[in-house]
Amino acid sequence: MSSLSEDSKGNMSSAINKALSSIPVKVVNTGAKPSNFKLKRRTVQIAILILLVIIPVSGLFRIDPENGALVVLGWQIWFADFFLISGLWIMIASALVALYSLAGTVVCGWACPQNTLAEWANHMTHKLLGKRAEVSLNGEAPKVAAAKNTVLNWSLLGLSFAGASMFFALLPLLYFYPPDVVWSFIIFRPDTRLAGSLYWIYFVWVLMILLDISVLRHFWCRFACVYKVWQHSFKTKETLHVLYDAGRSDECAKCNYCVTTCFIDLDPRKTQIYDSCINCGDCIDACNTLQSKKGKAGLLRFEFGQRAQTRAKTFRDNSILLLSRMRWTAPIALLGIVMFSWGVWSYQPYHLSVGYLKTAHNQSARDYRIEVSNKRYRPAQLSVSVEGLPQDGYTLNSSRVNLASVGRSSVFLTVSQKLQHGIHPFVVVVRSNDGWIGRLNLQHFVE
């Protein structure tokens, strides 16, 4: 009976297990979600390209070759505006040093226009010539797919590269000419502000960009970019980098998806302090995508500082690291902010100068040229007057100066010969319609 009872129990247990195994089971994801750095990075890259257009068009920063001046905030910057331009460059340099030190090459992967164009060129090449048609950094010929190795595909690729080069070559022109002048350049409309050699300069820019996206691409990133000098100067083992969880290395023993995803030809599992990684995050996306199917987090992630055991420790260590990095750059940045603020506050929108007027036909020391310059790109109306001399002691050829935009205009002052012998101090006063007043003290000597 005992034996039959045991057999009955065994049969019952087997039947139960069989019934349970037939029930469909749905595996619930433990919460691991694939990251999407690529989408975020594309958004930033597009925003940077738009910003590069807005900066010169808005007058935030450009060079004015016609007037030989630097333009910041829509104002011409002269040597007399030393504090404004010096403070600006100090702020930019301090921000870059802090960025290099903390985020490393994140600018390369997320903001660099050259890298953005190189990635676009990779995409077009893969789409038209196949996934293995890589422009290799070691000089190997691209492996074109047999089905896509057609004249049409090669022509489309060449035309797309040429069109992109011609379009992006217009961007540098915006940093030297106003938008309406660039438009005149595009539609071949005569414009006296256009330099005669501008079409040759544009042609050179087109060739440089075409060469870059056709041949160089990420070769420039790895071997020729000046940014690497800054990276070696400020990057340390605590700078933002891709961290590999070596404790789970058995999970990727036969997988190299992250390696094939990297368009810089690196192994993200073996990143070093000084390497060509541009912190794009594509390898992290690739690993997270595969591991999320198993309900696990990826083996790669971005990390500041050394790996810590707890979140609290990570936050504490990174906070201390941030403060220590900013300890010496903060005073320099503060100096730049103070200088820039003082430069903006003390900026003079107009410039007044007075000198003797001497020509081949008139060597008299009683004639003066009063020159007024407008340093802002908007119309200005100014009045000129003289204080300290009697009304019949001088003559102005005009008491009004009208300037349509940046530029200069002159008013001529003639001092009467009837003034008594001696020194006659006087003041040239210029007033603008927006409240600016310029005064220049002079002394006129009568023999």
Protein backbone atom coordinates (compact mmCIF):
# COMPACT_ATOMS: atom_id res chain seq x y z
CA MET A 1 0.00 0.00 0.00
CA SER A 2 2.84 2.27 0.93
CA SER A 3 4.50 1.65 -2.46
CA LEU A 4 1.27 2.29 -4.36
CA SER A 5 0.73 5.44 -2.35
CA GLU A 6 4.19 6.73 -3.29
CA ASP A 7 3.58 5.94 -6.97
CA SER A 8 0.25 7.73 -6.84
CA LYS A 9 1.89 10.77 -5.35
CA GLY A 10 4.59 10.74 -8.01
CA ASN A 11 2.07 10.49 -10.83
CA MET A 12 0.00 13.29 -9.32
CA SER A 13 3.05 15.54 -8.95
CA SER A 14 4.08 14.86 -12.55
CA ALA A 15 0.59 15.68 -13.79
CA ILE A 16 0.57 18.94 -11.84
CA ASN A 17 3.98 19.99 -13.19
CA LYS A 18 2.87 19.17 -16.72
CA ALA A 19 -0.27 21.24 -16.31
CA LEU A 20 1.68 24.18 -14.90
CA SER A 21 4.23 24.05 -17.69
CA SER A 22 1.46 24.33 -20.26
CA ILE A 23 0.32 27.66 -18.82
CA PRO A 24 1.83 30.58 -20.88
CA VAL A 25 4.13 32.71 -18.80
CA LYS A 26 4.87 36.35 -19.65
CA VAL A 27 8.27 37.61 -18.55
CA VAL A 28 7.87 40.99 -16.88
CA ASN A 29 10.61 43.54 -17.50
CA THR A 30 12.39 44.41 -14.28
CA GLY A 31 12.48 48.08 -15.12
CA ALA A 32 15.58 48.25 -17.29
CA LYS A 33 14.88 50.53 -20.22
CA PRO A 34 17.08 51.09 -23.27
CA SER A 35 18.63 54.54 -23.28
CA ASN A 36 18.33 56.87 -26.23
CA PHE A 37 21.40 59.08 -26.28
CA LYS A 38 21.32 59.24 -30.07
CA LEU A 39 17.99 61.09 -30.19
CA LYS A 40 19.13 63.54 -27.52
CA ARG A 41 22.44 64.00 -29.29
CA ARG A 42 20.79 64.69 -32.65
CA THR A 43 18.60 67.31 -30.98
CA VAL A 44 21.66 69.03 -29.50
CA GLN A 45 23.58 68.85 -32.80
CA ILE A 46 20.72 70.46 -34.74
CA ALA A 47 20.36 73.12 -32.04
CA ILE A 48 24.09 73.90 -32.28
CA LEU A 49 23.89 74.32 -36.07
CA ILE A 50 20.95 76.69 -35.65
CA LEU A 51 22.84 78.58 -32.96
CA LEU A 52 25.86 78.97 -35.24
CA VAL A 53 23.59 80.79 -37.68
CA ILE A 54 21.83 82.89 -35.04
CA ILE A 55 25.11 84.16 -33.50
CA PRO A 56 26.29 86.20 -36.53
CA VAL A 57 22.83 87.07 -37.86
CA SER A 58 21.76 88.52 -34.49
CA GLY A 59 25.02 90.49 -34.18
CA LEU A 60 26.05 88.59 -31.08
CA PHE A 61 29.49 87.99 -32.58
CA ARG A 62 30.97 88.52 -36.05
CA ILE A 63 33.76 90.30 -37.91
CA ASP A 64 33.09 93.36 -40.05
CA PRO A 65 35.74 93.44 -42.83
CA GLU A 66 34.24 96.52 -44.46
CA ASN A 67 34.90 98.65 -41.38
CA GLY A 68 37.76 96.53 -40.03
CA ALA A 69 36.14 95.85 -36.69
CA LEU A 70 35.05 93.06 -34.36
CA VAL A 71 31.33 93.05 -33.59
CA VAL A 72 29.98 91.87 -30.22
CA LEU A 73 26.34 92.30 -29.17
CA GLY A 74 25.79 94.32 -32.36
CA TRP A 75 28.46 96.84 -31.34
CA GLN A 76 31.79 97.55 -32.95
CA ILE A 77 34.60 96.74 -30.54
CA TRP A 78 37.63 99.02 -30.69
CA PHE A 79 40.89 98.87 -28.79
CA ALA A 80 39.39 101.41 -26.41
CA ASP A 81 36.81 98.74 -25.46
CA PHE A 82 39.56 96.54 -24.01
CA PHE A 83 37.63 95.44 -20.94
CA LEU A 84 34.63 94.23 -22.91
CA ILE A 85 36.49 92.02 -25.35
CA SER A 86 39.09 90.82 -22.80
CA GLY A 87 36.37 89.92 -20.32
CA LEU A 88 34.49 88.05 -23.02
CA TRP A 89 37.49 85.93 -24.00
CA ILE A 90 38.37 85.23 -20.35
CA MET A 91 34.81 84.01 -19.72
CA ILE A 92 34.87 81.80 -22.82
CA ALA A 93 38.30 80.36 -21.95
CA SER A 94 37.25 79.67 -18.34
CA ALA A 95 34.04 77.96 -19.49
CA LEU A 96 36.00 75.80 -21.95
CA VAL A 97 38.55 74.79 -19.33
CA ALA A 98 35.76 73.79 -16.94
CA LEU A 99 34.02 71.88 -19.74
CA TYR A 100 37.22 70.09 -20.81
CA SER A 101 37.99 69.17 -17.22
CA LEU A 102 34.53 67.89 -16.29
CA ALA A 103 32.92 66.59 -19.47
CA GLY A 104 35.98 65.77 -21.58
CA THR A 105 35.20 65.24 -25.25
CA VAL A 106 31.43 65.62 -24.91
CA VAL A 107 31.72 68.68 -27.17
CA CYS A 108 33.07 66.43 -29.94
CA GLY A 109 30.20 63.98 -29.82
CA TRP A 110 27.35 66.36 -29.06
CA ALA A 111 28.21 69.81 -30.44
CA CYS A 112 31.08 69.78 -32.95
CA PRO A 113 29.74 70.73 -36.44
CA GLN A 114 32.56 68.83 -38.12
CA ASN A 115 31.58 65.63 -36.36
CA THR A 116 27.91 66.26 -37.14
CA LEU A 117 28.73 66.48 -40.87
CA ALA A 118 30.96 63.40 -40.65
CA GLU A 119 28.14 61.37 -39.09
CA TRP A 120 25.73 62.58 -41.75
CA ALA A 121 28.26 61.55 -44.42
CA ASN A 122 28.48 58.08 -42.80
CA HIS A 123 24.70 57.79 -42.89
CA MET A 124 24.48 58.74 -46.57
CA THR A 125 27.31 56.37 -47.47
CA HIS A 126 25.66 53.44 -45.69
CA LYS A 127 22.29 54.23 -47.24
CA LEU A 128 23.58 54.45 -50.81
CA LEU A 129 26.56 52.07 -50.79
CA GLY A 130 25.81 49.59 -48.01
CA LYS A 131 26.44 49.13 -44.30
CA ARG A 132 30.06 48.03 -44.80
CA ALA A 133 31.00 51.00 -47.00
CA GLU A 134 33.03 52.66 -44.27
CA VAL A 135 35.62 55.38 -44.85
CA SER A 136 38.32 53.60 -42.90
CA LEU A 137 40.80 55.46 -40.73
CA ASN A 138 43.54 52.99 -41.70
CA GLY A 139 43.15 53.60 -45.43
CA GLU A 140 41.20 50.49 -46.42
CA ALA A 141 38.85 50.88 -49.38
CA PRO A 142 35.13 50.91 -48.53
CA LYS A 143 33.35 47.60 -49.11
CA VAL A 144 30.48 48.58 -51.38
CA ALA A 145 27.48 46.26 -51.52
CA ALA A 146 27.21 44.60 -54.94
CA ALA A 147 23.52 45.51 -55.28
CA LYS A 148 24.25 49.19 -54.59
CA ASN A 149 27.43 49.57 -56.61
CA THR A 150 25.68 51.52 -59.38
CA VAL A 151 26.37 54.76 -61.20
CA LEU A 152 23.11 56.18 -59.87
CA ASN A 153 24.00 55.57 -56.22
CA TRP A 154 27.50 56.96 -56.63
CA SER A 155 26.08 60.01 -58.42
CA LEU A 156 23.49 60.62 -55.71
CA LEU A 157 26.18 60.33 -53.05
CA GLY A 158 28.45 62.78 -54.87
CA LEU A 159 25.64 65.27 -55.44
CA SER A 160 24.55 65.10 -51.79
CA PHE A 161 28.12 65.76 -50.63
CA ALA A 162 28.55 68.64 -53.08
CA GLY A 163 25.20 70.17 -52.07
CA ALA A 164 26.01 69.92 -48.37
CA SER A 165 29.44 71.47 -48.96
CA MET A 166 27.98 74.39 -50.90
CA PHE A 167 25.33 74.97 -48.25
CA PHE A 168 27.57 74.82 -45.18
CA ALA A 169 30.28 76.89 -46.87
CA LEU A 170 27.84 79.81 -46.60
CA LEU A 171 27.99 79.65 -42.81
CA PRO A 172 31.49 81.23 -42.48
CA LEU A 173 30.35 84.08 -44.74
CA LEU A 174 27.71 85.06 -42.16
CA TYR A 175 30.51 85.77 -39.69
CA PHE A 176 31.95 88.39 -42.07
CA TYR A 177 28.94 89.85 -43.86
CA PRO A 178 25.35 90.82 -42.93
CA PRO A 179 22.60 88.43 -44.09
CA ASP A 180 21.44 90.75 -46.89
CA VAL A 181 24.97 90.83 -48.33
CA VAL A 182 25.20 87.02 -48.17
CA TRP A 183 21.87 86.85 -49.98
CA SER A 184 23.23 89.17 -52.67
CA PHE A 185 26.16 86.78 -52.96
CA ILE A 186 23.84 83.79 -53.38
CA ILE A 187 21.64 85.33 -56.09
CA PHE A 188 24.58 87.06 -57.84
CA ARG A 189 23.12 90.51 -57.17
CA PRO A 190 25.67 93.35 -57.48
CA ASP A 191 26.58 94.77 -54.08
CA THR A 192 29.38 97.25 -53.37
CA ARG A 193 29.95 95.63 -49.95
CA LEU A 194 31.02 92.32 -51.50
CA ALA A 195 34.73 91.76 -51.93
CA GLY A 196 35.81 90.81 -55.43
CA SER A 197 37.67 87.73 -54.18
CA LEU A 198 34.74 86.44 -52.13
CA TYR A 199 33.71 83.84 -54.71
CA TRP A 200 37.23 82.41 -54.66
CA ILE A 201 37.17 82.31 -50.85
CA TYR A 202 33.80 80.56 -50.97
CA PHE A 203 35.14 78.05 -53.50
CA VAL A 204 38.01 77.20 -51.14
CA TRP A 205 35.55 76.65 -48.27
CA VAL A 206 33.47 74.35 -50.46
CA LEU A 207 36.55 72.27 -51.35
CA MET A 208 37.63 72.04 -47.70
CA ILE A 209 34.21 70.84 -46.52
CA LEU A 210 33.86 68.44 -49.46
CA LEU A 211 37.28 66.93 -48.70
CA ASP A 212 36.37 66.63 -45.04
CA ILE A 213 33.07 64.78 -45.47
CA SER A 214 34.27 62.67 -48.41
CA VAL A 215 37.65 61.50 -47.17
CA LEU A 216 38.70 62.78 -43.74
CA ARG A 217 35.59 62.52 -41.57
CA HIS A 218 36.60 61.08 -38.19
CA PHE A 219 40.27 60.97 -39.15
CA TRP A 220 40.26 64.65 -38.25
CA CYS A 221 38.73 63.84 -34.83
CA ARG A 222 41.37 61.28 -33.97
CA PHE A 223 44.56 62.80 -35.34
CA ALA A 224 44.24 66.47 -36.31
CA CYS A 225 41.78 68.23 -33.98
CA VAL A 226 43.24 70.96 -31.76
CA TYR A 227 40.73 69.95 -29.08
CA LYS A 228 43.03 67.01 -28.26
CA VAL A 229 45.63 69.46 -26.98
CA TRP A 230 43.10 70.75 -24.44
CA GLN A 231 42.02 67.22 -23.64
CA HIS A 232 45.56 66.19 -22.71
CA SER A 233 45.95 69.40 -20.71
CA PHE A 234 42.84 69.11 -18.55
CA LYS A 235 41.36 65.60 -18.82
CA THR A 236 41.96 63.22 -15.90
CA LYS A 237 40.68 59.81 -14.81
CA GLU A 238 37.74 61.54 -13.09
CA THR A 239 36.53 63.31 -16.24
CA LEU A 240 33.25 62.07 -17.75
CA HIS A 241 33.91 58.77 -19.47
CA VAL A 242 32.29 55.48 -20.51
CA LEU A 243 32.51 52.96 -17.66
CA TYR A 244 32.40 49.20 -18.24
CA ASP A 245 31.04 46.83 -15.58
CA ALA A 246 33.84 44.27 -15.66
CA GLY A 247 32.08 42.19 -13.00
CA ARG A 248 29.54 41.09 -15.62
CA SER A 249 32.05 40.44 -18.37
CA ASP A 250 30.76 36.88 -18.82
CA GLU A 251 27.52 38.36 -20.22
CA CYS A 252 29.32 39.84 -23.20
CA ALA A 253 31.98 37.19 -23.83
CA LYS A 254 30.62 36.47 -27.31
CA CYS A 255 29.14 39.90 -28.05
CA ASN A 256 30.86 42.86 -29.68
CA TYR A 257 27.80 44.92 -30.60
CA CYS A 258 29.15 47.98 -28.79
CA VAL A 259 32.41 47.70 -30.76
CA THR A 260 30.68 47.49 -34.15
CA THR A 261 28.43 50.42 -33.19
CA CYS A 262 31.35 52.76 -32.42
CA PHE A 263 32.08 54.85 -35.53
CA ILE A 264 35.46 55.91 -34.06
CA ASP A 265 36.64 52.26 -34.18
CA LEU A 266 37.15 51.89 -30.43
CA ASP A 267 36.37 49.14 -27.95
CA PRO A 268 34.17 50.95 -25.37
CA ARG A 269 35.04 48.30 -22.80
CA LYS A 270 38.66 49.45 -22.82
CA THR A 271 38.47 53.24 -22.72
CA GLN A 272 41.48 55.07 -21.36
CA ILE A 273 42.13 58.56 -20.03
CA TYR A 274 43.52 59.77 -23.35
CA ASP A 275 41.81 58.11 -26.28
CA SER A 276 39.60 59.05 -29.21
CA CYS A 277 36.25 58.42 -27.49
CA ILE A 278 33.91 61.36 -28.08
CA ASN A 279 31.33 60.45 -25.40
CA CYS A 280 28.55 60.09 -27.96
CA GLY A 281 26.78 57.31 -26.03
CA ASP A 282 26.04 55.10 -29.04
CA CYS A 283 27.80 52.14 -27.44
CA ILE A 284 25.75 52.60 -24.24
CA ASP A 285 22.54 52.62 -26.30
CA ALA A 286 23.61 49.45 -28.10
CA CYS A 287 24.42 47.54 -24.90
CA ASN A 288 21.29 48.74 -23.11
CA THR A 289 19.13 47.69 -26.06
CA LEU A 290 20.44 44.11 -25.94
CA GLN A 291 20.40 43.77 -22.17
CA SER A 292 16.92 45.28 -21.82
CA LYS A 293 15.55 42.24 -23.69
CA LYS A 294 16.75 40.19 -20.72
CA GLY A 295 15.30 42.67 -18.23
CA LYS A 296 18.77 43.88 -17.24
CA ALA A 297 20.70 47.12 -17.39
CA GLY A 298 23.57 47.47 -19.83
CA LEU A 299 27.21 46.94 -18.93
CA LEU A 300 28.22 50.42 -20.13
CA ARG A 301 27.30 53.81 -18.70
CA PHE A 302 28.57 57.37 -18.40
CA GLU A 303 30.39 58.07 -15.17
CA PHE A 304 31.92 61.07 -13.41
CA GLY A 305 34.84 60.34 -11.12
CA GLN A 306 35.88 56.95 -9.79
CA ARG A 307 33.33 54.19 -9.45
CA ALA A 308 31.60 54.32 -6.05
CA GLN A 309 29.60 51.75 -4.07
CA THR A 310 26.60 53.91 -3.21
CA ARG A 311 24.71 56.75 -4.83
CA ALA A 312 25.36 58.97 -1.81
CA LYS A 313 29.06 58.41 -2.10
CA THR A 314 28.96 59.04 -5.84
CA PHE A 315 27.12 62.33 -5.35
CA ARG A 316 29.47 63.36 -2.55
CA ASP A 317 32.62 62.46 -4.44
CA ASN A 318 31.47 64.17 -7.62
CA SER A 319 30.45 67.29 -5.70
CA ILE A 320 33.88 67.48 -4.06
CA LEU A 321 35.48 66.85 -7.46
CA LEU A 322 33.46 69.64 -9.05
CA LEU A 323 34.37 72.12 -6.32
CA SER A 324 38.06 71.20 -6.47
CA ARG A 325 38.10 71.63 -10.26
CA MET A 326 36.36 74.99 -10.08
CA ARG A 327 38.53 76.29 -7.24
CA TRP A 328 41.14 77.82 -9.53
CA THR A 329 38.98 78.51 -12.59
CA ALA A 330 36.21 80.29 -10.64
CA PRO A 331 38.34 83.38 -9.75
CA ILE A 332 39.48 83.71 -13.37
CA ALA A 333 35.90 83.33 -14.62
CA LEU A 334 34.74 85.90 -12.06
CA LEU A 335 37.44 88.30 -13.28
CA GLY A 336 36.17 87.84 -16.84
CA ILE A 337 32.57 88.49 -15.76
CA VAL A 338 33.58 91.67 -13.92
CA MET A 339 35.65 92.94 -16.85
CA PHE A 340 32.91 92.15 -19.36
CA SER A 341 30.25 93.79 -17.20
CA TRP A 342 32.38 96.89 -16.77
CA GLY A 343 33.05 96.95 -20.52
CA VAL A 344 29.32 96.78 -21.30
CA TRP A 345 28.49 99.46 -18.72
CA SER A 346 31.22 101.85 -19.85
CA TYR A 347 30.83 101.18 -23.57
CA GLN A 348 30.82 104.35 -25.68
CA PRO A 349 28.52 103.96 -28.73
CA TYR A 350 30.13 106.96 -30.45
CA HIS A 351 33.68 108.20 -30.76
CA LEU A 352 34.78 111.82 -30.98
CA SER A 353 38.16 113.00 -32.26
CA VAL A 354 39.46 116.44 -33.25
CA GLY A 355 42.62 117.30 -35.15
CA TYR A 356 44.18 120.09 -37.20
CA LEU A 357 43.03 120.28 -40.78
CA LYS A 358 46.06 120.76 -43.00
CA THR A 359 46.01 120.26 -46.74
CA ALA A 360 48.33 121.20 -49.56
CA HIS A 361 46.30 124.38 -50.10
CA ASN A 362 45.66 125.24 -46.48
CA GLN A 363 48.40 125.03 -43.89
CA SER A 364 46.55 127.15 -41.36
CA ALA A 365 46.53 125.97 -37.73
CA ARG A 366 43.16 127.59 -37.13
CA ASP A 367 41.14 124.94 -38.99
CA TYR A 368 40.04 121.72 -37.23
CA ARG A 369 38.42 118.48 -38.36
CA ILE A 370 35.83 117.17 -35.90
CA GLU A 371 35.27 113.48 -36.67
CA VAL A 372 32.32 111.60 -35.17
CA SER A 373 32.06 107.78 -35.47
CA ASN A 374 29.01 105.61 -34.93
CA LYS A 375 29.92 102.19 -33.47
CA ARG A 376 26.44 100.68 -33.60
CA TYR A 377 24.56 99.25 -36.56
CA ARG A 378 21.64 101.63 -36.46
CA PRO A 379 20.92 105.23 -37.53
CA ALA A 380 22.18 108.10 -35.37
CA GLN A 381 21.60 111.86 -35.34
CA LEU A 382 24.10 114.04 -33.51
CA SER A 383 24.53 117.75 -32.93
CA VAL A 384 27.90 119.53 -32.73
CA SER A 385 28.59 122.69 -30.72
CA VAL A 386 31.55 124.64 -29.37
CA GLU A 387 31.83 126.04 -25.84
CA GLY A 388 34.42 128.54 -24.59
CA LEU A 389 34.74 130.66 -27.75
CA PRO A 390 32.64 133.74 -28.57
CA GLN A 391 29.88 133.29 -31.13
CA ASP A 392 31.78 135.33 -33.72
CA GLY A 393 35.06 133.60 -32.89
CA TYR A 394 34.46 130.39 -34.85
CA THR A 395 32.56 128.89 -37.74
CA LEU A 396 31.15 125.35 -38.12
CA ASN A 397 30.38 124.16 -41.61
CA SER A 398 27.55 122.09 -40.09
CA SER A 399 26.04 121.61 -36.66
CA ARG A 400 24.35 118.29 -37.47
CA VAL A 401 25.73 114.83 -38.23
CA ASN A 402 23.50 112.06 -39.60
CA LEU A 403 24.82 108.51 -39.82
CA ALA A 404 22.71 105.75 -41.35
CA SER A 405 24.71 102.98 -39.64
CA VAL A 406 28.27 102.35 -38.48
CA GLY A 407 30.70 104.77 -40.02
CA ARG A 408 32.12 108.23 -39.53
CA SER A 409 31.48 111.76 -40.64
CA SER A 410 33.40 115.02 -40.28
CA VAL A 411 32.49 118.59 -39.37
CA PHE A 412 34.99 121.40 -40.02
CA LEU A 413 35.69 124.10 -37.48
CA THR A 414 37.41 127.37 -38.39
CA VAL A 415 38.61 129.67 -35.62
CA SER A 416 38.47 133.40 -36.38
CA GLN A 417 41.69 135.31 -36.93
CA LYS A 418 40.23 138.23 -34.93
CA LEU A 419 40.75 136.49 -31.57
CA GLN A 420 43.21 138.18 -29.24
CA HIS A 421 46.77 136.97 -28.88
CA GLY A 422 47.19 134.09 -26.43
CA ILE A 423 45.75 130.71 -25.56
CA HIS A 424 42.00 130.18 -25.94
CA PRO A 425 40.68 126.98 -24.31
CA PHE A 426 37.43 125.61 -25.75
CA VAL A 427 35.36 122.42 -25.70
CA VAL A 428 33.86 120.52 -28.63
CA VAL A 429 30.56 118.98 -27.52
CA VAL A 430 28.66 116.32 -29.44
CA ARG A 431 25.19 115.19 -28.35
CA SER A 432 23.24 112.27 -29.79
CA ASN A 433 19.48 111.88 -29.98
CA ASP A 434 19.67 108.89 -27.60
CA GLY A 435 21.30 110.85 -24.77
CA TRP A 436 25.03 110.30 -25.33
CA ILE A 437 27.29 113.33 -24.77
CA GLY A 438 30.90 113.53 -25.85
CA ARG A 439 33.22 116.35 -24.79
CA LEU A 440 36.77 117.06 -25.92
CA ASN A 441 38.88 119.85 -24.38
CA LEU A 442 41.19 121.76 -26.72
CA GLN A 443 43.41 124.83 -26.63
CA HIS A 444 43.80 127.21 -29.54
CA PHE A 445 46.89 129.43 -29.67
CA VAL A 446 46.78 132.80 -31.47
CA GLU A 447 50.14 134.36 -32.29
